Amino acid sequence: MSDISVPNPQQELNLKKLELSALLEITQAINANLPEASLYKIYRFTLLAQLSIARITLFVHDENWQCMICTGTEQDFTKVQLPEEVLQLKEITKVSKMQVEKKWRCFDIVIPILHNGKVLAFVMIGKIEKYSSSLDALNFIQTISNIMLVAIENHRMARQRLAQESIRREIEIAREVQSMLFPKSLPNDKDVAIHASYIPHSSIGGDYYDFIEIDADQFLFCVADVSGKGVPASLLMSNFQAGLRTILRQTSDLNTVVSELNHLIYRNAIAEKFITTFVALYNRRTRELSYVNAGHNAPILLYEDSTHTLLNDGCTMLGVFDVLPFMNVGRVHVPEKSIVLAYTDGLTEVFDEDEAEFGVEGTIEFLIRHRYLSSKMLHLQLLREINLYNEEANFNDDITLLSCRFK
């Protein structure tokens, strides 16, 4: 930069004293761990009072460029975008040497603030004492600006780390809650073989499955999907599980069970949370399967002759209405060697590169082809198939599978 003022010895001495005072003030403020707003105020005061700079704007980059200080100007620069020519600067430059709009010519000098090769900010100053435009003075302004802005950048990074730690802890809590909700074992006896698989899309999701023995003849199984993720979803699901088990101590009538669950979810859900679920009650002696599908993906009942039924009967999703507007309890006789596959929408809503959905039909075709695999291998093969269907494995949701083979 040319045309730099050269102070006389007395001015240079005075400037050094002011610089020392300014540096001390900025350093003390940073060491005191003051909030960012206070650091900006002290920085502004330092330039105005200590260095006799009457016109200042400070543009800081935080995702986008923001004007954090604007003083001594007629124009409000807080809502003005920086000129492209300014954004290209890497060294101190006189505004008079730049091709910028008239409104920017109220400033004399632009000082870019860099850290590790990255431009953190631009300081634009005007109406300055002659000795404050010397190269030493401008370099000093650049130095204290750098010190202050790096401190603010560190504040920002610390906030991000705290936020990430908070999210990580929330995920841990939600994962612990969810793992406690899943049954520890599933039956494989003379009547049925039940197997379940859960593949989370992210660190923690809202899927859930359960198995509950009612008596010697009856058991209940279910699959559910809570809207949302994280701790709120896992807490709502824990309410669902606790409510289900409490209600089943009183009655196994599915009409009553689901109605009471809906009332519980409606009372406890926050921020428009709701649950879709498939709840089924099987009688080993009569081979009757009673079920309610509450807005959930219809499970597939595949018979030995490869015909199938979709288990659609039920009601709306739970937690939307205080009283369910309708309720249909489905009932179906289950012959030997039939299989039910219940799942969440993460399974069928898988898309290939042409945006074609794997869908219910794809799942039915898979079941017909592979129905005689063991339950564990059936699940593994189905997950492999959808991975091949979407080779990038870019799934949009959790995937939960629960199969029940009727012997």
Protein backbone atom coordinates (compact mmCIF):
# COMPACT_ATOMS: atom_id res chain seq x y z
CA MET A 1 0.00 0.00 0.00
CA SER A 2 1.37 3.42 -1.01
CA ASP A 3 0.75 6.94 0.33
CA ILE A 4 1.23 5.92 3.94
CA SER A 5 1.54 8.72 6.49
CA VAL A 6 4.79 8.96 8.45
CA PRO A 7 4.38 10.26 12.03
CA ASN A 8 6.95 12.53 13.65
CA PRO A 9 8.87 11.19 16.69
CA GLN A 10 6.42 12.67 19.24
CA GLN A 11 3.43 11.31 17.39
CA GLU A 12 5.13 7.95 17.14
CA LEU A 13 5.76 7.92 20.90
CA ASN A 14 2.15 8.86 21.62
CA LEU A 15 0.97 6.19 19.20
CA LYS A 16 3.06 3.51 20.91
CA LYS A 17 1.55 4.46 24.27
CA LEU A 18 -1.98 4.27 22.82
CA GLU A 19 -1.20 0.95 21.17
CA LEU A 20 0.09 -0.49 24.43
CA SER A 21 -3.01 0.70 26.27
CA ALA A 22 -5.30 -0.67 23.55
CA LEU A 23 -3.53 -4.02 23.49
CA LEU A 24 -3.75 -4.29 27.28
CA GLU A 25 -7.48 -3.50 27.26
CA ILE A 26 -8.27 -6.04 24.53
CA THR A 27 -6.13 -8.72 26.21
CA GLN A 28 -7.75 -8.17 29.62
CA ALA A 29 -11.21 -8.42 28.07
CA ILE A 30 -10.32 -11.71 26.37
CA ASN A 31 -8.74 -13.15 29.52
CA ALA A 32 -11.85 -12.20 31.48
CA ASN A 33 -13.77 -14.50 29.11
CA LEU A 34 -16.28 -11.77 28.38
CA PRO A 35 -19.16 -12.55 26.00
CA GLU A 36 -18.79 -11.70 22.33
CA ALA A 37 -21.03 -8.63 22.54
CA SER A 38 -18.77 -7.16 25.23
CA LEU A 39 -15.65 -7.87 23.18
CA TYR A 40 -17.13 -6.04 20.21
CA LYS A 41 -17.97 -3.04 22.43
CA ILE A 42 -14.45 -2.88 23.88
CA TYR A 43 -12.93 -3.25 20.42
CA ARG A 44 -15.12 -0.41 19.10
CA PHE A 45 -14.23 1.81 22.06
CA THR A 46 -10.53 1.04 21.61
CA LEU A 47 -10.54 2.19 18.00
CA LEU A 48 -12.68 5.25 18.72
CA ALA A 49 -11.10 6.51 21.93
CA GLN A 50 -7.60 5.09 22.04
CA LEU A 51 -6.70 5.34 18.35
CA SER A 52 -8.93 8.32 17.42
CA ILE A 53 -10.72 6.56 14.55
CA ALA A 54 -14.16 8.13 14.15
CA ARG A 55 -15.71 5.97 11.41
CA ILE A 56 -15.70 2.17 11.66
CA THR A 57 -17.47 -0.84 10.23
CA LEU A 58 -16.55 -4.42 11.01
CA PHE A 59 -17.81 -7.24 8.80
CA VAL A 60 -17.36 -10.72 10.27
CA HIS A 61 -17.85 -14.04 8.50
CA ASP A 62 -20.06 -16.52 10.36
CA GLU A 63 -21.69 -18.72 7.70
CA ASN A 64 -22.30 -15.42 5.87
CA TRP A 65 -20.96 -11.89 6.14
CA GLN A 66 -22.48 -9.81 8.95
CA CYS A 67 -21.82 -6.21 9.95
CA MET A 68 -21.09 -6.44 13.69
CA ILE A 69 -19.95 -2.82 14.22
CA CYS A 70 -21.14 0.27 12.38
CA THR A 71 -20.35 3.66 13.89
CA GLY A 72 -19.76 7.20 12.65
CA THR A 73 -21.46 6.63 9.27
CA GLU A 74 -24.60 8.14 7.74
CA GLN A 75 -25.31 4.88 5.91
CA ASP A 76 -26.56 1.87 7.88
CA PHE A 77 -24.17 -0.84 6.76
CA THR A 78 -25.76 -3.62 8.84
CA LYS A 79 -28.02 -4.54 5.91
CA VAL A 80 -25.53 -3.94 3.11
CA GLN A 81 -23.56 -6.63 1.30
CA LEU A 82 -19.82 -6.27 0.97
CA PRO A 83 -18.60 -5.43 -2.54
CA GLU A 84 -16.97 -8.29 -4.42
CA GLU A 85 -13.75 -6.26 -4.73
CA VAL A 86 -13.50 -6.02 -0.94
CA LEU A 87 -14.08 -9.77 -0.55
CA GLN A 88 -11.03 -10.44 -2.72
CA LEU A 89 -8.66 -8.39 -0.53
CA LYS A 90 -5.83 -10.07 1.36
CA GLU A 91 -3.83 -6.97 2.35
CA ILE A 92 -4.45 -3.44 3.69
CA THR A 93 -5.86 -1.29 0.87
CA LYS A 94 -6.90 2.34 0.44
CA VAL A 95 -10.55 2.69 -0.63
CA SER A 96 -9.53 5.39 -3.12
CA LYS A 97 -7.64 2.70 -5.06
CA MET A 98 -10.78 0.54 -5.42
CA GLN A 99 -13.72 0.56 -7.84
CA VAL A 100 -16.58 0.62 -5.32
CA GLU A 101 -19.90 2.43 -4.98
CA LYS A 102 -20.00 5.94 -3.58
CA LYS A 103 -21.41 4.84 -0.21
CA TRP A 104 -18.18 2.96 0.52
CA ARG A 105 -16.04 6.03 -0.12
CA CYS A 106 -16.81 7.39 3.34
CA PHE A 107 -14.04 5.01 4.43
CA ASP A 108 -10.35 5.55 3.84
CA ILE A 109 -8.87 2.12 4.40
CA VAL A 110 -9.93 -1.56 4.33
CA ILE A 111 -8.04 -3.94 6.61
CA PRO A 112 -8.57 -7.69 6.04
CA ILE A 113 -8.22 -9.86 9.14
CA LEU A 114 -6.76 -13.29 8.39
CA HIS A 115 -6.16 -16.37 10.51
CA ASN A 116 -4.50 -19.50 9.12
CA GLY A 117 -4.99 -18.17 5.61
CA LYS A 118 -8.74 -17.68 6.12
CA VAL A 119 -10.31 -14.21 6.05
CA LEU A 120 -12.25 -13.79 9.30
CA ALA A 121 -13.30 -10.17 8.88
CA PHE A 122 -12.86 -6.82 7.17
CA VAL A 123 -12.32 -3.61 9.16
CA MET A 124 -13.16 -0.43 7.27
CA ILE A 125 -12.03 2.83 8.87
CA GLY A 126 -12.38 6.52 8.04
CA LYS A 127 -11.99 9.99 9.59
CA ILE A 128 -8.72 8.97 11.20
CA GLU A 129 -5.92 11.02 12.70
CA LYS A 130 -3.08 11.37 10.23
CA TYR A 131 -0.62 9.45 12.38
CA SER A 132 -3.18 6.61 12.75
CA SER A 133 -2.88 5.93 9.03
CA SER A 134 0.82 5.13 9.25
CA LEU A 135 1.86 1.62 8.27
CA ASP A 136 2.75 0.76 11.87
CA ALA A 137 -0.64 2.02 13.10
CA LEU A 138 -2.55 0.10 10.44
CA ASN A 139 -0.57 -3.06 11.12
CA PHE A 140 -1.34 -2.62 14.81
CA ILE A 141 -5.08 -2.24 14.08
CA GLN A 142 -4.83 -5.42 12.03
CA THR A 143 -3.03 -7.17 14.91
CA ILE A 144 -5.50 -6.26 17.68
CA SER A 145 -8.40 -7.02 15.32
CA ASN A 146 -6.89 -10.42 14.67
CA ILE A 147 -6.42 -11.08 18.41
CA MET A 148 -10.00 -10.09 19.17
CA LEU A 149 -11.58 -11.95 16.25
CA VAL A 150 -9.62 -15.15 16.86
CA ALA A 151 -10.85 -15.00 20.47
CA ILE A 152 -14.43 -14.61 19.21
CA GLU A 153 -13.89 -17.47 16.75
CA ASN A 154 -12.68 -19.60 19.67
CA HIS A 155 -15.84 -18.65 21.60
CA ARG A 156 -17.91 -19.77 18.63
CA MET A 157 -16.06 -23.06 18.31
CA ALA A 158 -16.45 -23.68 22.04
CA ARG A 159 -20.20 -23.14 21.69
CA GLN A 160 -20.29 -25.60 18.82
CA ARG A 161 -18.38 -28.17 20.87
CA LEU A 162 -20.81 -27.75 23.76
CA ALA A 163 -23.76 -28.11 21.41
CA GLN A 164 -22.24 -31.23 19.86
CA GLU A 165 -21.53 -32.67 23.30
CA SER A 166 -25.14 -31.97 24.30
CA ILE A 167 -26.39 -33.73 21.18
CA ARG A 168 -24.02 -36.65 21.77
CA ARG A 169 -25.25 -37.02 25.34
CA GLU A 170 -28.86 -36.81 24.21
CA ILE A 171 -28.20 -39.56 21.68
CA GLU A 172 -26.57 -41.72 24.38
CA ILE A 173 -29.56 -41.28 26.70
CA ALA A 174 -32.02 -42.00 23.91
CA ARG A 175 -30.06 -45.09 22.85
CA GLU A 176 -30.03 -46.38 26.43
CA VAL A 177 -33.78 -45.81 26.76
CA GLN A 178 -34.45 -47.51 23.44
CA SER A 179 -32.27 -50.53 24.23
CA MET A 180 -34.20 -51.04 27.47
CA LEU A 181 -37.50 -51.01 25.57
CA PHE A 182 -36.66 -53.85 23.18
CA PRO A 183 -37.45 -57.34 24.54
CA LYS A 184 -34.40 -59.32 25.61
CA SER A 185 -35.61 -62.55 23.98
CA LEU A 186 -38.24 -63.67 21.49
CA PRO A 187 -39.96 -67.09 21.36
CA ASN A 188 -39.04 -69.98 19.10
CA ASP A 189 -41.19 -72.89 20.28
CA LYS A 190 -43.55 -75.55 18.92
CA ASP A 191 -46.12 -72.95 17.88
CA VAL A 192 -44.24 -69.88 16.62
CA ALA A 193 -40.83 -68.44 15.82
CA ILE A 194 -40.49 -64.67 16.21
CA HIS A 195 -37.44 -62.73 15.10
CA ALA A 196 -36.78 -58.97 15.02
CA SER A 197 -34.15 -56.70 13.45
CA TYR A 198 -33.57 -52.99 13.97
CA ILE A 199 -31.35 -50.88 11.70
CA PRO A 200 -31.12 -47.22 12.79
CA HIS A 201 -30.90 -44.55 10.09
CA SER A 202 -29.09 -42.18 12.45
CA SER A 203 -27.67 -42.69 15.93
CA ILE A 204 -31.13 -42.98 17.44
CA GLY A 205 -34.56 -43.30 15.91
CA GLY A 206 -38.19 -43.69 16.83
CA ASP A 207 -38.82 -47.35 15.92
CA TYR A 208 -39.92 -49.92 18.48
CA TYR A 209 -41.07 -53.53 18.68
CA ASP A 210 -42.29 -55.71 21.54
CA PHE A 211 -43.49 -59.17 22.53
CA ILE A 212 -45.63 -59.84 25.62
CA GLU A 213 -46.96 -63.17 26.92
CA ILE A 214 -50.57 -62.76 28.08
CA ASP A 215 -51.25 -66.31 29.31
CA ALA A 216 -50.53 -69.90 28.28
CA ASP A 217 -52.58 -69.51 25.10
CA GLN A 218 -52.13 -65.88 24.08
CA PHE A 219 -49.32 -63.48 23.32
CA LEU A 220 -49.14 -59.98 21.89
CA PHE A 221 -46.58 -58.55 19.50
CA CYS A 222 -46.30 -55.08 18.04
CA VAL A 223 -44.23 -52.76 15.88
CA ALA A 224 -44.40 -48.98 16.24
CA ASP A 225 -42.89 -45.82 14.82
CA VAL A 226 -42.77 -42.55 16.76
CA SER A 227 -42.61 -39.29 14.84
CA GLY A 228 -39.34 -37.49 15.49
CA LYS A 229 -36.00 -38.65 16.86
CA GLY A 230 -33.81 -38.44 19.94
CA VAL A 231 -34.80 -38.17 23.59
CA PRO A 232 -38.36 -36.83 23.00
CA ALA A 233 -39.17 -39.79 20.72
CA SER A 234 -37.61 -42.37 23.07
CA LEU A 235 -39.44 -40.91 26.09
CA LEU A 236 -42.76 -41.04 24.25
CA MET A 237 -42.03 -44.62 23.25
CA SER A 238 -41.21 -45.54 26.85
CA ASN A 239 -44.61 -44.09 27.83
CA PHE A 240 -46.18 -46.22 25.11
CA GLN A 241 -44.45 -49.38 26.33
CA ALA A 242 -45.25 -48.76 30.00
CA GLY A 243 -48.85 -47.92 29.12
CA LEU A 244 -49.23 -51.03 26.97
CA ARG A 245 -47.96 -53.35 29.69
CA THR A 246 -50.08 -51.67 32.38
CA ILE A 247 -53.26 -51.89 30.28
CA LEU A 248 -52.60 -55.54 29.43
CA ARG A 249 -52.66 -56.38 33.14
CA GLN A 250 -56.30 -55.27 33.13
CA THR A 251 -57.51 -56.48 29.74
CA SER A 252 -56.34 -57.97 26.45
CA ASP A 253 -59.32 -56.65 24.50
CA LEU A 254 -57.60 -54.83 21.61
CA ASN A 255 -60.36 -52.25 21.24
CA THR A 256 -59.82 -51.16 24.84
CA VAL A 257 -56.03 -51.52 24.72
CA VAL A 258 -55.58 -49.31 21.66
CA SER A 259 -58.16 -46.73 22.78
CA GLU A 260 -56.41 -46.36 26.14
CA LEU A 261 -53.00 -46.13 24.45
CA ASN A 262 -54.31 -43.38 22.19
CA HIS A 263 -55.59 -41.42 25.19
CA LEU A 264 -52.22 -41.84 26.93
CA ILE A 265 -50.24 -40.65 23.89
CA TYR A 266 -52.62 -37.74 23.29
CA ARG A 267 -52.11 -36.54 26.88
CA ASN A 268 -48.33 -36.98 26.93
CA ALA A 269 -47.19 -36.16 23.39
CA ILE A 270 -45.63 -32.74 22.79
CA ALA A 271 -44.85 -30.75 19.66
CA GLU A 272 -47.23 -32.72 17.41
CA LYS A 273 -45.70 -36.09 18.23
CA PHE A 274 -47.72 -39.16 17.28
CA ILE A 275 -47.27 -42.92 16.94
CA THR A 276 -48.16 -45.39 14.22
CA THR A 277 -48.36 -48.97 15.41
CA PHE A 278 -49.47 -52.48 14.55
CA VAL A 279 -50.64 -54.45 17.60
CA ALA A 280 -51.55 -58.14 17.23
CA LEU A 281 -52.88 -60.75 19.66
CA TYR A 282 -52.43 -64.41 18.74
CA ASN A 283 -54.29 -67.34 20.30
CA ARG A 284 -52.18 -70.49 20.06
CA ARG A 285 -55.18 -72.76 20.68
CA THR A 286 -57.64 -71.29 18.14
CA ARG A 287 -54.95 -70.00 15.72
CA GLU A 288 -56.82 -66.70 15.51
CA LEU A 289 -54.85 -63.50 15.03
CA SER A 290 -56.64 -60.35 16.22
CA TYR A 291 -55.00 -57.06 15.32
CA VAL A 292 -55.31 -53.28 15.11
CA ASN A 293 -53.36 -51.29 12.56
CA ALA A 294 -53.11 -47.70 13.85
CA GLY A 295 -51.99 -45.83 10.74
CA HIS A 296 -49.03 -48.17 10.29
CA ASN A 297 -47.62 -49.91 7.22
CA ALA A 298 -49.80 -52.97 6.66
CA PRO A 299 -47.98 -56.16 7.70
CA ILE A 300 -47.97 -59.00 5.18
CA LEU A 301 -49.57 -62.35 6.07
CA LEU A 302 -48.15 -64.88 3.60
CA TYR A 303 -49.81 -68.30 3.35
CA GLU A 304 -48.14 -71.58 2.41
CA ASP A 305 -49.63 -71.42 -1.11
CA SER A 306 -47.92 -67.99 -1.61
CA THR A 307 -51.16 -66.04 -1.50
CA HIS A 308 -51.17 -63.16 0.94
CA THR A 309 -53.30 -60.74 2.95
CA LEU A 310 -52.39 -57.21 4.00
CA LEU A 311 -53.39 -56.54 7.61
CA ASN A 312 -55.03 -53.13 7.19
CA ASP A 313 -57.94 -53.07 9.65
CA GLY A 314 -57.61 -50.65 12.56
CA CYS A 315 -57.79 -46.95 13.28
CA THR A 316 -55.97 -43.66 12.82
CA MET A 317 -52.46 -43.12 14.18
CA LEU A 318 -52.28 -42.64 17.96
CA GLY A 319 -52.00 -39.27 19.66
CA VAL A 320 -53.75 -37.20 16.98
CA PHE A 321 -57.30 -37.34 18.42
CA ASP A 322 -58.38 -37.42 22.05
CA VAL A 323 -60.95 -40.06 21.08
CA LEU A 324 -60.30 -42.27 18.07
CA PRO A 325 -62.88 -41.50 15.35
CA PHE A 326 -63.22 -45.18 14.36
CA MET A 327 -61.90 -48.59 15.37
CA ASN A 328 -61.93 -51.89 13.49
CA VAL A 329 -60.35 -54.92 15.11
CA GLY A 330 -59.20 -57.27 12.35
CA ARG A 331 -59.47 -61.01 12.83
CA VAL A 332 -57.93 -63.69 10.66
CA HIS A 333 -57.37 -67.44 10.96
CA VAL A 334 -53.72 -68.36 10.52
CA PRO A 335 -53.04 -71.75 8.88
CA GLU A 336 -49.89 -73.73 9.55
CA LYS A 337 -46.69 -72.62 7.79
CA SER A 338 -47.88 -69.04 7.42
CA ILE A 339 -45.68 -66.06 8.14
CA VAL A 340 -46.41 -62.46 9.16
CA LEU A 341 -43.87 -59.75 8.39
CA ALA A 342 -44.41 -56.46 10.21
CA TYR A 343 -42.10 -53.55 9.45
CA THR A 344 -41.67 -49.79 9.56
CA ASP A 345 -41.72 -47.53 6.51
CA GLY A 346 -37.94 -47.42 6.38
CA LEU A 347 -38.12 -50.81 4.64
CA THR A 348 -40.49 -50.04 1.78
CA GLU A 349 -39.47 -46.40 1.29
CA VAL A 350 -36.11 -47.32 -0.21
CA PHE A 351 -35.46 -45.95 -3.69
CA ASP A 352 -33.16 -47.03 -6.49
CA GLU A 353 -31.17 -44.66 -8.70
CA ASP A 354 -34.28 -44.08 -10.86
CA GLU A 355 -36.31 -43.09 -7.76
CA ALA A 356 -38.40 -46.28 -8.02
CA GLU A 357 -39.60 -47.45 -4.59
CA PHE A 358 -38.84 -50.94 -3.26
CA GLY A 359 -42.37 -50.86 -1.89
CA VAL A 360 -44.83 -53.41 -0.54
CA GLU A 361 -44.87 -55.36 -3.81
CA GLY A 362 -41.10 -55.76 -3.70
CA THR A 363 -41.35 -57.01 -0.11
CA ILE A 364 -44.09 -59.51 -1.00
CA GLU A 365 -42.10 -60.84 -3.95
CA PHE A 366 -39.08 -61.23 -1.70
CA LEU A 367 -41.11 -63.16 0.91
CA ILE A 368 -42.47 -65.54 -1.71
CA ARG A 369 -38.96 -66.27 -3.01
CA HIS A 370 -37.25 -66.67 0.38
CA ARG A 371 -39.99 -67.76 2.78
CA TYR A 372 -38.24 -71.02 3.68
CA LEU A 373 -35.09 -69.37 4.96
CA SER A 374 -34.61 -69.33 8.72
CA SER A 375 -36.02 -66.21 10.38
CA LYS A 376 -32.56 -64.76 10.97
CA MET A 377 -31.43 -65.46 7.40
CA LEU A 378 -34.71 -64.11 6.03
CA HIS A 379 -34.05 -60.76 7.70
CA LEU A 380 -30.39 -60.67 6.66
CA GLN A 381 -31.26 -61.50 3.06
CA LEU A 382 -34.01 -58.85 2.96
CA LEU A 383 -31.60 -56.22 4.27
CA ARG A 384 -29.03 -57.30 1.68
CA GLU A 385 -31.66 -57.02 -1.03
CA ILE A 386 -32.61 -53.46 -0.17
CA ASN A 387 -28.92 -52.59 0.06
CA LEU A 388 -28.51 -53.88 -3.49
CA TYR A 389 -31.67 -52.04 -4.52
CA ASN A 390 -30.13 -48.85 -3.20
CA GLU A 391 -26.39 -49.41 -3.66
CA GLU A 392 -25.51 -46.14 -1.96
CA ALA A 393 -27.50 -47.29 1.11
CA ASN A 394 -28.89 -43.80 1.41
CA PHE A 395 -31.88 -44.78 3.53
CA ASN A 396 -34.22 -42.05 4.73
CA ASP A 397 -35.45 -43.72 7.92
CA ASP A 398 -34.86 -46.47 10.46
CA ILE A 399 -35.74 -50.01 9.42
CA THR A 400 -37.46 -52.40 11.82
CA LEU A 401 -38.49 -55.93 10.86
CA LEU A 402 -40.52 -58.35 12.97
CA SER A 403 -41.45 -61.73 11.51
CA CYS A 404 -43.67 -64.33 13.11
CA ARG A 405 -43.70 -67.86 11.68
CA PHE A 406 -46.71 -69.97 12.60
CA LYS A 407 -45.81 -73.67 12.80
